[in-house]
């Protein structure tokens, strides 16, 4: 399944609405790429957007970047910020963009002779008629629609945070890249406040507090992630809450039924859990091979459920 970043491509109008903080973080992603190239010139870059709590850049590189590398990368980023280079926008033709990508000039400090393969793919998928632009800071040239801050010196305070893996365009059939995360703010005061907030959130984490109080244990060796193993004190609390829930339901005139923890999809289609009420919060189905007759019945039931959902939505629109 594709990453959220690739489900819907940002339009130029969306980009124009970027906040000042998003522009700072987007610019910090370019400075990150600049720094990485100074240390590892053969790095190949894919996407480097601002995100909710910072920014990242996806990179293909033989060297496995680790937190131990952050100090060296941040030192190079500080040099680029101190240089106060202008973020210069250059509009080019599709032909020029394809030529530069094939020459290895995009997301690079100079032509490399090896194609900028991810940028080449991105250029090839830009809709016909949409302007194509680069942004240049110092020697670094990147395929980018922007926007950015005026100069690298406007970035303020930043910090690299962690590394993860991500498939190009979120598709497991594509190459797996290293995703380098960081965050940036207008000044060091805001940056420090952000990390103080994170530390406070860790201190108040219910998983940590519950384990320390002896309410439950979380052990992925025995159960799935996020599933608690209730200890005696925690079990007592759960039973009291269940008792209160039952009393409240009975007082409101409800009666209870019990079903297995695992059931066929037909049951959830019948109850309404699927496809309308709780599909987004349910665990994914376990796929099992059905015989042709059962599969035909299942598909028919699913089509009827979808039709019922559509009819219900149309009815609501008519009622309005």
C-alpha atoms as a PDB file:
ATOM      1  CA  UNK A   1       0.000   0.000   0.000  1.00  0.00           C
ATOM      2  CA  UNK A   2       1.341   3.425  -0.910  1.00  0.00           C
ATOM      3  CA  UNK A   3       2.487   5.983   1.649  1.00  0.00           C
ATOM      4  CA  UNK A   4       0.142   8.844   2.380  1.00  0.00           C
ATOM      5  CA  UNK A   5       2.708  11.129   0.710  1.00  0.00           C
ATOM      6  CA  UNK A   6       2.028   9.466  -2.654  1.00  0.00           C
ATOM      7  CA  UNK A   7      -1.728   8.884  -2.479  1.00  0.00           C
ATOM      8  CA  UNK A   8      -2.447  12.402  -3.720  1.00  0.00           C
ATOM      9  CA  UNK A   9       0.173  14.638  -5.299  1.00  0.00           C
ATOM     10  CA  UNK A  10       0.226  18.170  -3.921  1.00  0.00           C
ATOM     11  CA  UNK A  11      -1.020  20.744  -6.406  1.00  0.00           C
ATOM     12  CA  UNK A  12       0.794  24.030  -6.999  1.00  0.00           C
ATOM     13  CA  UNK A  13      -2.074  25.777  -5.185  1.00  0.00           C
ATOM     14  CA  UNK A  14      -1.555  23.516  -2.153  1.00  0.00           C
ATOM     15  CA  UNK A  15       2.136  24.339  -2.150  1.00  0.00           C
ATOM     16  CA  UNK A  16       1.439  28.066  -2.330  1.00  0.00           C
ATOM     17  CA  UNK A  17      -0.515  27.718   0.937  1.00  0.00           C
ATOM     18  CA  UNK A  18       2.478  26.356   2.875  1.00  0.00           C
ATOM     19  CA  UNK A  19       2.941  28.071   6.224  1.00  0.00           C
ATOM     20  CA  UNK A  20       6.171  29.824   7.163  1.00  0.00           C
ATOM     21  CA  UNK A  21       7.141  26.859   9.343  1.00  0.00           C
ATOM     22  CA  UNK A  22       6.490  24.395   6.494  1.00  0.00           C
ATOM     23  CA  UNK A  23       8.695  26.491   4.211  1.00  0.00           C
ATOM     24  CA  UNK A  24      11.466  26.434   6.813  1.00  0.00           C
ATOM     25  CA  UNK A  25      11.218  22.655   7.082  1.00  0.00           C
ATOM     26  CA  UNK A  26      11.029  22.137   3.322  1.00  0.00           C
ATOM     27  CA  UNK A  27      14.176  24.244   2.965  1.00  0.00           C
ATOM     28  CA  UNK A  28      15.853  22.265   5.756  1.00  0.00           C
ATOM     29  CA  UNK A  29      15.244  19.079   3.737  1.00  0.00           C
ATOM     30  CA  UNK A  30      17.227  20.587   0.832  1.00  0.00           C
ATOM     31  CA  UNK A  31      20.022  21.589   3.194  1.00  0.00           C
ATOM     32  CA  UNK A  32      20.020  18.021   4.557  1.00  0.00           C
ATOM     33  CA  UNK A  33      20.478  16.664   1.026  1.00  0.00           C
ATOM     34  CA  UNK A  34      23.250  19.193   0.402  1.00  0.00           C
ATOM     35  CA  UNK A  35      25.080  18.008   3.526  1.00  0.00           C
ATOM     36  CA  UNK A  36      24.699  14.316   2.721  1.00  0.00           C
ATOM     37  CA  UNK A  37      26.119  14.852  -0.769  1.00  0.00           C
ATOM     38  CA  UNK A  38      29.183  16.585   0.643  1.00  0.00           C
ATOM     39  CA  UNK A  39      29.900  13.476   2.698  1.00  0.00           C
ATOM     40  CA  UNK A  40      28.577  10.799   0.295  1.00  0.00           C
ATOM     41  CA  UNK A  41      28.612  12.235  -3.275  1.00  0.00           C
ATOM     42  CA  UNK A  42      26.976   9.128  -4.780  1.00  0.00           C
ATOM     43  CA  UNK A  43      23.718   9.538  -2.799  1.00  0.00           C
ATOM     44  CA  UNK A  44      20.521   9.319  -4.877  1.00  0.00           C
ATOM     45  CA  UNK A  45      17.518  11.290  -3.598  1.00  0.00           C
ATOM     46  CA  UNK A  46      13.784  10.748  -4.060  1.00  0.00           C
ATOM     47  CA  UNK A  47      11.311  12.932  -2.099  1.00  0.00           C
ATOM     48  CA  UNK A  48      12.039  15.460   0.643  1.00  0.00           C
ATOM     49  CA  UNK A  49       8.854  17.109   1.928  1.00  0.00           C
ATOM     50  CA  UNK A  50       7.900  18.926   5.115  1.00  0.00           C
ATOM     51  CA  UNK A  51       5.686  16.797   7.386  1.00  0.00           C
ATOM     52  CA  UNK A  52       3.640  17.417  10.513  1.00  0.00           C
ATOM     53  CA  UNK A  53       6.519  17.484  12.993  1.00  0.00           C
ATOM     54  CA  UNK A  54       9.472  18.247  10.756  1.00  0.00           C
ATOM     55  CA  UNK A  55      10.856  17.023   7.443  1.00  0.00           C
ATOM     56  CA  UNK A  56      12.588  14.077   5.817  1.00  0.00           C
ATOM     57  CA  UNK A  57      14.480  13.157   2.691  1.00  0.00           C
ATOM     58  CA  UNK A  58      14.494   9.668   1.164  1.00  0.00           C
ATOM     59  CA  UNK A  59      17.930   8.604  -0.022  1.00  0.00           C
ATOM     60  CA  UNK A  60      19.490   5.562  -1.677  1.00  0.00           C
ATOM     61  CA  UNK A  61      23.022   5.085  -0.429  1.00  0.00           C
ATOM     62  CA  UNK A  62      25.361   2.126   0.072  1.00  0.00           C
ATOM     63  CA  UNK A  63      26.391   3.523   3.465  1.00  0.00           C
ATOM     64  CA  UNK A  64      23.758   2.843   6.132  1.00  0.00           C
ATOM     65  CA  UNK A  65      23.200   6.187   7.825  1.00  0.00           C
ATOM     66  CA  UNK A  66      22.915   5.828  11.600  1.00  0.00           C
ATOM     67  CA  UNK A  67      22.375   8.296  14.472  1.00  0.00           C
ATOM     68  CA  UNK A  68      26.146   8.211  14.947  1.00  0.00           C
ATOM     69  CA  UNK A  69      26.422  10.006  11.574  1.00  0.00           C
ATOM     70  CA  UNK A  70      24.092  12.835  12.578  1.00  0.00           C
ATOM     71  CA  UNK A  71      26.811  15.045  14.095  1.00  0.00           C
ATOM     72  CA  UNK A  72      28.801  15.052  10.844  1.00  0.00           C
ATOM     73  CA  UNK A  73      25.691  15.689   8.730  1.00  0.00           C
ATOM     74  CA  UNK A  74      24.474  18.475  11.024  1.00  0.00           C
ATOM     75  CA  UNK A  75      27.934  20.102  10.884  1.00  0.00           C
ATOM     76  CA  UNK A  76      27.686  20.272   7.087  1.00  0.00           C
ATOM     77  CA  UNK A  77      24.112  21.596   7.343  1.00  0.00           C
ATOM     78  CA  UNK A  78      25.319  24.381   9.646  1.00  0.00           C
ATOM     79  CA  UNK A  79      27.974  25.344   7.084  1.00  0.00           C
ATOM     80  CA  UNK A  80      25.296  25.648   4.385  1.00  0.00           C
ATOM     81  CA  UNK A  81      23.051  27.703   6.660  1.00  0.00           C
ATOM     82  CA  UNK A  82      25.956  29.966   7.626  1.00  0.00           C
ATOM     83  CA  UNK A  83      26.742  30.472   3.910  1.00  0.00           C
ATOM     84  CA  UNK A  84      23.274  32.078   3.655  1.00  0.00           C
ATOM     85  CA  UNK A  85      22.837  30.938   0.053  1.00  0.00           C
ATOM     86  CA  UNK A  86      19.768  32.106  -1.833  1.00  0.00           C
ATOM     87  CA  UNK A  87      17.060  29.583  -2.759  1.00  0.00           C
ATOM     88  CA  UNK A  88      16.901  30.408  -6.439  1.00  0.00           C
ATOM     89  CA  UNK A  89      13.941  29.177  -8.509  1.00  0.00           C
ATOM     90  CA  UNK A  90      14.573  28.214 -12.137  1.00  0.00           C
ATOM     91  CA  UNK A  91      11.719  27.264 -14.496  1.00  0.00           C
ATOM     92  CA  UNK A  92      12.755  24.784 -17.192  1.00  0.00           C
ATOM     93  CA  UNK A  93      11.218  22.853 -20.059  1.00  0.00           C
ATOM     94  CA  UNK A  94      10.381  19.171 -19.737  1.00  0.00           C
ATOM     95  CA  UNK A  95      13.157  18.414 -22.226  1.00  0.00           C
ATOM     96  CA  UNK A  96      15.716  20.260 -20.100  1.00  0.00           C
ATOM     97  CA  UNK A  97      14.558  18.487 -16.931  1.00  0.00           C
ATOM     98  CA  UNK A  98      14.856  15.084 -18.602  1.00  0.00           C
ATOM     99  CA  UNK A  99      18.321  15.949 -19.903  1.00  0.00           C
ATOM    100  CA  UNK A 100      19.519  17.146 -16.478  1.00  0.00           C
ATOM    101  CA  UNK A 101      18.080  14.062 -14.761  1.00  0.00           C
ATOM    102  CA  UNK A 102      19.825  11.763 -17.246  1.00  0.00           C
ATOM    103  CA  UNK A 103      23.061  13.668 -16.696  1.00  0.00           C
ATOM    104  CA  UNK A 104      22.774  13.166 -12.934  1.00  0.00           C
ATOM    105  CA  UNK A 105      22.534  16.896 -12.214  1.00  0.00           C
ATOM    106  CA  UNK A 106      19.281  16.830 -10.229  1.00  0.00           C
ATOM    107  CA  UNK A 107      19.525  16.434  -6.437  1.00  0.00           C
ATOM    108  CA  UNK A 108      23.272  16.759  -6.875  1.00  0.00           C
ATOM    109  CA  UNK A 109      26.118  19.234  -6.421  1.00  0.00           C
ATOM    110  CA  UNK A 110      27.288  18.823 -10.031  1.00  0.00           C
ATOM    111  CA  UNK A 111      26.725  16.561 -13.063  1.00  0.00           C
ATOM    112  CA  UNK A 112      27.683  13.017 -12.077  1.00  0.00           C
ATOM    113  CA  UNK A 113      27.377  10.994 -15.263  1.00  0.00           C
ATOM    114  CA  UNK A 114      24.974   8.631 -13.479  1.00  0.00           C
ATOM    115  CA  UNK A 115      21.276   9.471 -13.967  1.00  0.00           C
ATOM    116  CA  UNK A 116      19.334  10.920 -11.046  1.00  0.00           C
ATOM    117  CA  UNK A 117      17.011   7.935 -11.380  1.00  0.00           C
ATOM    118  CA  UNK A 118      14.316   8.899  -8.902  1.00  0.00           C
ATOM    119  CA  UNK A 119      14.165  12.493 -10.135  1.00  0.00           C
ATOM    120  CA  UNK A 120      13.984  11.155 -13.697  1.00  0.00           C
ATOM    121  CA  UNK A 121      10.950   9.083 -12.753  1.00  0.00           C
ATOM    122  CA  UNK A 122       9.329  12.083 -11.055  1.00  0.00           C
ATOM    123  CA  UNK A 123       9.881  14.292 -14.126  1.00  0.00           C
ATOM    124  CA  UNK A 124       8.333  11.644 -16.357  1.00  0.00           C
ATOM    125  CA  UNK A 125       5.226  11.627 -14.154  1.00  0.00           C
ATOM    126  CA  UNK A 126       4.666  15.396 -13.924  1.00  0.00           C
ATOM    127  CA  UNK A 127       1.325  16.092 -15.680  1.00  0.00           C
ATOM    128  CA  UNK A 128       1.539  17.582 -19.155  1.00  0.00           C
ATOM    129  CA  UNK A 129       1.275  21.343 -19.101  1.00  0.00           C
ATOM    130  CA  UNK A 130       2.360  21.716 -15.463  1.00  0.00           C
ATOM    131  CA  UNK A 131       5.360  24.042 -15.022  1.00  0.00           C
ATOM    132  CA  UNK A 132       8.603  22.302 -14.072  1.00  0.00           C
ATOM    133  CA  UNK A 133      11.044  24.087 -11.805  1.00  0.00           C
ATOM    134  CA  UNK A 134      14.295  23.653  -9.901  1.00  0.00           C
ATOM    135  CA  UNK A 135      15.473  25.235  -6.682  1.00  0.00           C
ATOM    136  CA  UNK A 136      19.169  25.931  -6.256  1.00  0.00           C
ATOM    137  CA  UNK A 137      21.063  26.701  -3.041  1.00  0.00           C
ATOM    138  CA  UNK A 138      24.811  27.030  -3.523  1.00  0.00           C
ATOM    139  CA  UNK A 139      25.933  24.106  -5.700  1.00  0.00           C
ATOM    140  CA  UNK A 140      22.901  21.966  -4.852  1.00  0.00           C
ATOM    141  CA  UNK A 141      20.266  21.787  -7.595  1.00  0.00           C
ATOM    142  CA  UNK A 142      16.988  19.954  -7.044  1.00  0.00           C
ATOM    143  CA  UNK A 143      13.818  19.289  -8.968  1.00  0.00           C
ATOM    144  CA  UNK A 144      11.264  21.104  -6.831  1.00  0.00           C
ATOM    145  CA  UNK A 145       8.059  23.130  -7.112  1.00  0.00           C
ATOM    146  CA  UNK A 146       8.810  24.929  -3.815  1.00  0.00           C
ATOM    147  CA  UNK A 147       8.133  27.061  -1.948  1.00  0.00           C
ATOM    148  CA  UNK A 148      11.155  27.849   0.229  1.00  0.00           C
ATOM    149  CA  UNK A 149      12.477  30.535   2.520  1.00  0.00           C
ATOM    150  CA  UNK A 150      14.555  33.257   0.848  1.00  0.00           C
ATOM    151  CA  UNK A 151      17.954  32.052   2.062  1.00  0.00           C
ATOM    152  CA  UNK A 152      19.474  29.064   3.844  1.00  0.00           C
ATOM    153  CA  UNK A 153      20.234  31.418   6.741  1.00  0.00           C
ATOM    154  CA  UNK A 154      16.479  31.818   7.340  1.00  0.00           C
ATOM    155  CA  UNK A 155      16.103  28.202   8.447  1.00  0.00           C
ATOM    156  CA  UNK A 156      16.670  28.919  12.144  1.00  0.00           C
ATOM    157  CA  UNK A 157      17.190  25.954  14.480  1.00  0.00           C
ATOM    158  CA  UNK A 158      17.127  22.305  13.374  1.00  0.00           C
ATOM    159  CA  UNK A 159      17.963  18.803  14.572  1.00  0.00           C
ATOM    160  CA  UNK A 160      18.077  15.382  12.930  1.00  0.00           C
ATOM    161  CA  UNK A 161      15.952  12.895  14.860  1.00  0.00           C
ATOM    162  CA  UNK A 162      15.933   9.374  13.438  1.00  0.00           C
ATOM    163  CA  UNK A 163      16.292   7.080  10.426  1.00  0.00           C
ATOM    164  CA  UNK A 164      13.684   4.715   9.000  1.00  0.00           C
ATOM    165  CA  UNK A 165      13.211   2.622   5.867  1.00  0.00           C
ATOM    166  CA  UNK A 166      10.686   3.437   3.179  1.00  0.00           C
ATOM    167  CA  UNK A 167       9.914   2.026  -0.233  1.00  0.00           C
ATOM    168  CA  UNK A 168      10.084   4.491  -3.103  1.00  0.00           C
ATOM    169  CA  UNK A 169       6.555   5.874  -3.581  1.00  0.00           C
ATOM    170  CA  UNK A 170       5.451   3.598  -0.745  1.00  0.00           C
ATOM    171  CA  UNK A 171       5.369   0.580  -3.061  1.00  0.00           C
ATOM    172  CA  UNK A 172       7.106  -2.586  -1.845  1.00  0.00           C
ATOM    173  CA  UNK A 173       7.922  -3.456  -5.465  1.00  0.00           C
ATOM    174  CA  UNK A 174      10.182  -0.392  -5.608  1.00  0.00           C
ATOM    175  CA  UNK A 175      13.646   0.085  -4.062  1.00  0.00           C
ATOM    176  CA  UNK A 176      13.856   0.429  -0.296  1.00  0.00           C
ATOM    177  CA  UNK A 177      15.340   3.781   0.693  1.00  0.00           C
ATOM    178  CA  UNK A 178      16.702   5.328   3.872  1.00  0.00           C
ATOM    179  CA  UNK A 179      14.396   8.019   5.245  1.00  0.00           C
ATOM    180  CA  UNK A 180      16.316  10.608   7.269  1.00  0.00           C
ATOM    181  CA  UNK A 181      14.040  12.587   9.588  1.00  0.00           C
ATOM    182  CA  UNK A 182      14.640  15.925  11.230  1.00  0.00           C
ATOM    183  CA  UNK A 183      12.770  18.913  12.556  1.00  0.00           C
ATOM    184  CA  UNK A 184      13.274  22.661  12.289  1.00  0.00           C
ATOM    185  CA  UNK A 185      11.867  25.788  13.924  1.00  0.00           C
ATOM    186  CA  UNK A 186      12.238  29.543  13.632  1.00  0.00           C
ATOM    187  CA  UNK A 187      14.633  29.670  16.578  1.00  0.00           C
ATOM    188  CA  UNK A 188      16.357  27.556  19.225  1.00  0.00           C
ATOM    189  CA  UNK A 189      13.785  28.495  21.883  1.00  0.00           C
ATOM    190  CA  UNK A 190      11.000  26.846  19.868  1.00  0.00           C
ATOM    191  CA  UNK A 191      13.205  23.846  19.066  1.00  0.00           C
ATOM    192  CA  UNK A 192      14.068  23.319  22.744  1.00  0.00           C
ATOM    193  CA  UNK A 193      10.395  23.676  23.736  1.00  0.00           C
ATOM    194  CA  UNK A 194       9.459  20.981  21.201  1.00  0.00           C
ATOM    195  CA  UNK A 195      11.935  18.457  22.594  1.00  0.00           C
ATOM    196  CA  UNK A 196      10.928  19.316  26.164  1.00  0.00           C
ATOM    197  CA  UNK A 197       7.332  18.532  25.182  1.00  0.00           C
ATOM    198  CA  UNK A 198       8.421  15.189  23.718  1.00  0.00           C
ATOM    199  CA  UNK A 199      10.263  14.272  26.920  1.00  0.00           C
ATOM    200  CA  UNK A 200       7.205  15.197  28.981  1.00  0.00           C
ATOM    201  CA  UNK A 201       5.018  13.059  26.717  1.00  0.00           C
ATOM    202  CA  UNK A 202       7.372  10.102  27.257  1.00  0.00           C
ATOM    203  CA  UNK A 203       7.187  10.637  31.014  1.00  0.00           C
ATOM    204  CA  UNK A 204       3.378  10.583  30.863  1.00  0.00           C
ATOM    205  CA  UNK A 205       3.132   7.689  28.398  1.00  0.00           C
ATOM    206  CA  UNK A 206       0.325   5.394  29.606  1.00  0.00           C
ATOM    207  CA  UNK A 207       2.309   2.360  28.471  1.00  0.00           C
ATOM    208  CA  UNK A 208       5.174   3.312  30.773  1.00  0.00           C
ATOM    209  CA  UNK A 209       2.947   4.370  33.691  1.00  0.00           C
ATOM    210  CA  UNK A 210       0.687   1.299  33.470  1.00  0.00           C
ATOM    211  CA  UNK A 211       3.656  -1.052  33.489  1.00  0.00           C
ATOM    212  CA  UNK A 212       5.252   0.789  36.436  1.00  0.00           C
ATOM    213  CA  UNK A 213       1.967   0.566  38.391  1.00  0.00           C
ATOM    214  CA  UNK A 214       1.759  -3.170  37.770  1.00  0.00           C
ATOM    215  CA  UNK A 215      -1.496  -2.893  35.783  1.00  0.00           C
ATOM    216  CA  UNK A 216      -0.339  -4.688  32.648  1.00  0.00           C
ATOM    217  CA  UNK A 217       2.659  -5.924  30.696  1.00  0.00           C
ATOM    218  CA  UNK A 218       3.399  -5.330  27.019  1.00  0.00           C
ATOM    219  CA  UNK A 219       5.470  -8.132  25.539  1.00  0.00           C
ATOM    220  CA  UNK A 220       5.523  -8.618  21.772  1.00  0.00           C
ATOM    221  CA  UNK A 221       7.154 -12.027  22.254  1.00  0.00           C
ATOM    222  CA  UNK A 222       3.749 -13.297  23.410  1.00  0.00           C
ATOM    223  CA  UNK A 223       1.136 -10.950  21.899  1.00  0.00           C
ATOM    224  CA  UNK A 224       0.785  -8.391  19.117  1.00  0.00           C
ATOM    225  CA  UNK A 225       2.074  -4.793  19.463  1.00  0.00           C
ATOM    226  CA  UNK A 226      -0.149  -2.674  21.714  1.00  0.00           C
ATOM    227  CA  UNK A 227      -2.019  -5.641  23.214  1.00  0.00           C
ATOM    228  CA  UNK A 228      -1.747  -5.647  27.026  1.00  0.00           C
ATOM    229  CA  UNK A 229      -1.345  -8.688  29.237  1.00  0.00           C
ATOM    230  CA  UNK A 230      -3.475  -7.642  32.218  1.00  0.00           C
ATOM    231  CA  UNK A 231      -1.969  -8.289  35.645  1.00  0.00           C
ATOM    232  CA  UNK A 232      -4.144  -8.799  38.781  1.00  0.00           C
ATOM    233  CA  UNK A 233      -4.532  -5.101  39.646  1.00  0.00           C
ATOM    234  CA  UNK A 234      -5.228  -4.153  36.024  1.00  0.00           C
ATOM    235  CA  UNK A 235      -7.666  -7.032  35.618  1.00  0.00           C
ATOM    236  CA  UNK A 236      -9.635  -5.784  38.643  1.00  0.00           C
ATOM    237  CA  UNK A 237      -9.975  -2.353  37.019  1.00  0.00           C
ATOM    238  CA  UNK A 238     -11.037  -3.885  33.674  1.00  0.00           C
ATOM    239  CA  UNK A 239     -13.699  -6.010  35.392  1.00  0.00           C
ATOM    240  CA  UNK A 240     -15.087  -2.986  37.261  1.00  0.00           C
ATOM    241  CA  UNK A 241     -15.301  -1.027  34.002  1.00  0.00           C
ATOM    242  CA  UNK A 242     -17.020  -3.956  32.283  1.00  0.00           C
ATOM    243  CA  UNK A 243     -19.472  -4.178  35.179  1.00  0.00           C
ATOM    244  CA  UNK A 244     -20.294  -0.483  34.866  1.00  0.00           C
ATOM    245  CA  UNK A 245     -20.731  -0.833  31.096  1.00  0.00           C
ATOM    246  CA  UNK A 246     -23.149  -3.760  31.515  1.00  0.00           C
ATOM    247  CA  UNK A 247     -25.192  -1.953  34.154  1.00  0.00           C
ATOM    248  CA  UNK A 248     -25.432   1.125  31.927  1.00  0.00           C
ATOM    249  CA  UNK A 249     -26.482  -0.935  28.903  1.00  0.00           C
ATOM    250  CA  UNK A 250     -29.116  -2.909  30.827  1.00  0.00           C
ATOM    251  CA  UNK A 251     -30.510   0.299  32.323  1.00  0.00           C
ATOM    252  CA  UNK A 252     -30.927   1.640  28.778  1.00  0.00           C
ATOM    253  CA  UNK A 253     -32.810  -1.485  27.683  1.00  0.00           C
ATOM    254  CA  UNK A 254     -30.046  -3.250  25.772  1.00  0.00           C
ATOM    255  CA  UNK A 255     -29.346  -6.982  25.925  1.00  0.00           C
ATOM    256  CA  UNK A 256     -26.063  -8.661  25.094  1.00  0.00           C
ATOM    257  CA  UNK A 257     -25.010 -11.362  22.640  1.00  0.00           C
ATOM    258  CA  UNK A 258     -21.609 -13.033  22.333  1.00  0.00           C
ATOM    259  CA  UNK A 259     -19.724 -13.898  19.150  1.00  0.00           C
ATOM    260  CA  UNK A 260     -16.345 -15.555  18.522  1.00  0.00           C
ATOM    261  CA  UNK A 261     -13.308 -13.282  18.487  1.00  0.00           C
ATOM    262  CA  UNK A 262     -12.625 -14.326  14.882  1.00  0.00           C
ATOM    263  CA  UNK A 263     -15.422 -14.702  12.349  1.00  0.00           C
ATOM    264  CA  UNK A 264     -16.026 -14.646   8.629  1.00  0.00           C
ATOM    265  CA  UNK A 265     -16.476 -11.292   6.950  1.00  0.00           C
ATOM    266  CA  UNK A 266     -20.159 -12.055   6.357  1.00  0.00           C
ATOM    267  CA  UNK A 267     -20.868 -11.541  10.063  1.00  0.00           C
ATOM    268  CA  UNK A 268     -19.352  -8.038  10.016  1.00  0.00           C
ATOM    269  CA  UNK A 269     -21.204  -7.181   6.814  1.00  0.00           C
ATOM    270  CA  UNK A 270     -24.429  -8.301   8.479  1.00  0.00           C
ATOM    271  CA  UNK A 271     -23.750  -6.329  11.671  1.00  0.00           C
ATOM    272  CA  UNK A 272     -22.809  -3.197   9.742  1.00  0.00           C
ATOM    273  CA  UNK A 273     -19.257  -3.077  11.058  1.00  0.00           C
ATOM    274  CA  UNK A 274     -18.251  -3.465   7.388  1.00  0.00           C
ATOM    275  CA  UNK A 275     -18.181  -1.605   5.121  1.00  0.00           C
ATOM    276  CA  UNK A 276     -19.742   1.401   6.898  1.00  0.00           C
ATOM    277  CA  UNK A 277     -19.216   1.720  10.629  1.00  0.00           C
ATOM    278  CA  UNK A 278     -15.827   0.499  11.816  1.00  0.00           C
ATOM    279  CA  UNK A 279     -13.831  -0.619   8.768  1.00  0.00           C
ATOM    280  CA  UNK A 280     -11.028   1.890   9.393  1.00  0.00           C
ATOM    281  CA  UNK A 281     -10.428   0.767  13.002  1.00  0.00           C
ATOM    282  CA  UNK A 282     -10.651  -3.019  12.482  1.00  0.00           C
ATOM    283  CA  UNK A 283      -7.739  -5.395  12.000  1.00  0.00           C
ATOM    284  CA  UNK A 284      -7.138  -6.375   8.362  1.00  0.00           C
ATOM    285  CA  UNK A 285      -8.770  -9.624   7.217  1.00  0.00           C
ATOM    286  CA  UNK A 286      -6.906 -12.910   7.043  1.00  0.00           C
ATOM    287  CA  UNK A 287      -7.138 -13.975   3.409  1.00  0.00           C
ATOM    288  CA  UNK A 288      -8.176 -17.585   2.819  1.00  0.00           C
ATOM    289  CA  UNK A 289      -8.706 -19.365  -0.471  1.00  0.00           C
ATOM    290  CA  UNK A 290     -12.407 -20.082  -1.027  1.00  0.00           C
ATOM    291  CA  UNK A 291     -13.949 -22.673  -3.273  1.00  0.00           C
ATOM    292  CA  UNK A 292     -15.603 -21.117  -6.383  1.00  0.00           C
ATOM    293  CA  UNK A 293     -19.169 -21.412  -5.024  1.00  0.00           C
ATOM    294  CA  UNK A 294     -18.323 -19.799  -1.672  1.00  0.00           C
ATOM    295  CA  UNK A 295     -16.349 -17.043  -3.378  1.00  0.00           C
ATOM    296  CA  UNK A 296     -19.303 -16.233  -5.652  1.00  0.00           C
ATOM    297  CA  UNK A 297     -21.611 -16.007  -2.621  1.00  0.00           C
ATOM    298  CA  UNK A 298     -19.125 -13.787  -0.774  1.00  0.00           C
ATOM    299  CA  UNK A 299     -18.714 -11.395  -3.718  1.00  0.00           C
ATOM    300  CA  UNK A 300     -22.486 -11.183  -4.111  1.00  0.00           C
ATOM    301  CA  UNK A 301     -22.902 -10.335  -0.427  1.00  0.00           C
ATOM    302  CA  UNK A 302     -20.177  -7.696  -0.657  1.00  0.00           C
ATOM    303  CA  UNK A 303     -21.826  -6.089  -3.703  1.00  0.00           C
ATOM    304  CA  UNK A 304     -25.178  -5.976  -1.904  1.00  0.00           C
ATOM    305  CA  UNK A 305     -23.534  -4.373   1.136  1.00  0.00           C
ATOM    306  CA  UNK A 306     -21.864  -1.735  -1.030  1.00  0.00           C
ATOM    307  CA  UNK A 307     -25.154  -1.036  -2.829  1.00  0.00           C
ATOM    308  CA  UNK A 308     -26.890  -0.673   0.523  1.00  0.00           C
ATOM    309  CA  UNK A 309     -24.209   1.827   1.601  1.00  0.00           C
ATOM    310  CA  UNK A 310     -24.679   3.839  -1.637  1.00  0.00           C
ATOM    311  CA  UNK A 311     -28.481   3.782  -1.341  1.00  0.00           C
ATOM    312  CA  UNK A 312     -28.237   4.969   2.266  1.00  0.00           C
ATOM    313  CA  UNK A 313     -25.957   7.863   1.274  1.00  0.00           C
ATOM    314  CA  UNK A 314     -28.310   8.863  -1.561  1.00  0.00           C
ATOM    315  CA  UNK A 315     -31.250   8.767   0.820  1.00  0.00           C
ATOM    316  CA  UNK A 316     -29.455  11.102   3.222  1.00  0.00           C
ATOM    317  CA  UNK A 317     -28.690  13.538   0.422  1.00  0.00           C
ATOM    318  CA  UNK A 318     -32.326  13.540  -0.704  1.00  0.00           C
ATOM    319  CA  UNK A 319     -33.466  14.079   2.888  1.00  0.00           C
ATOM    320  CA  UNK A 320     -31.278  17.181   3.107  1.00  0.00           C
END
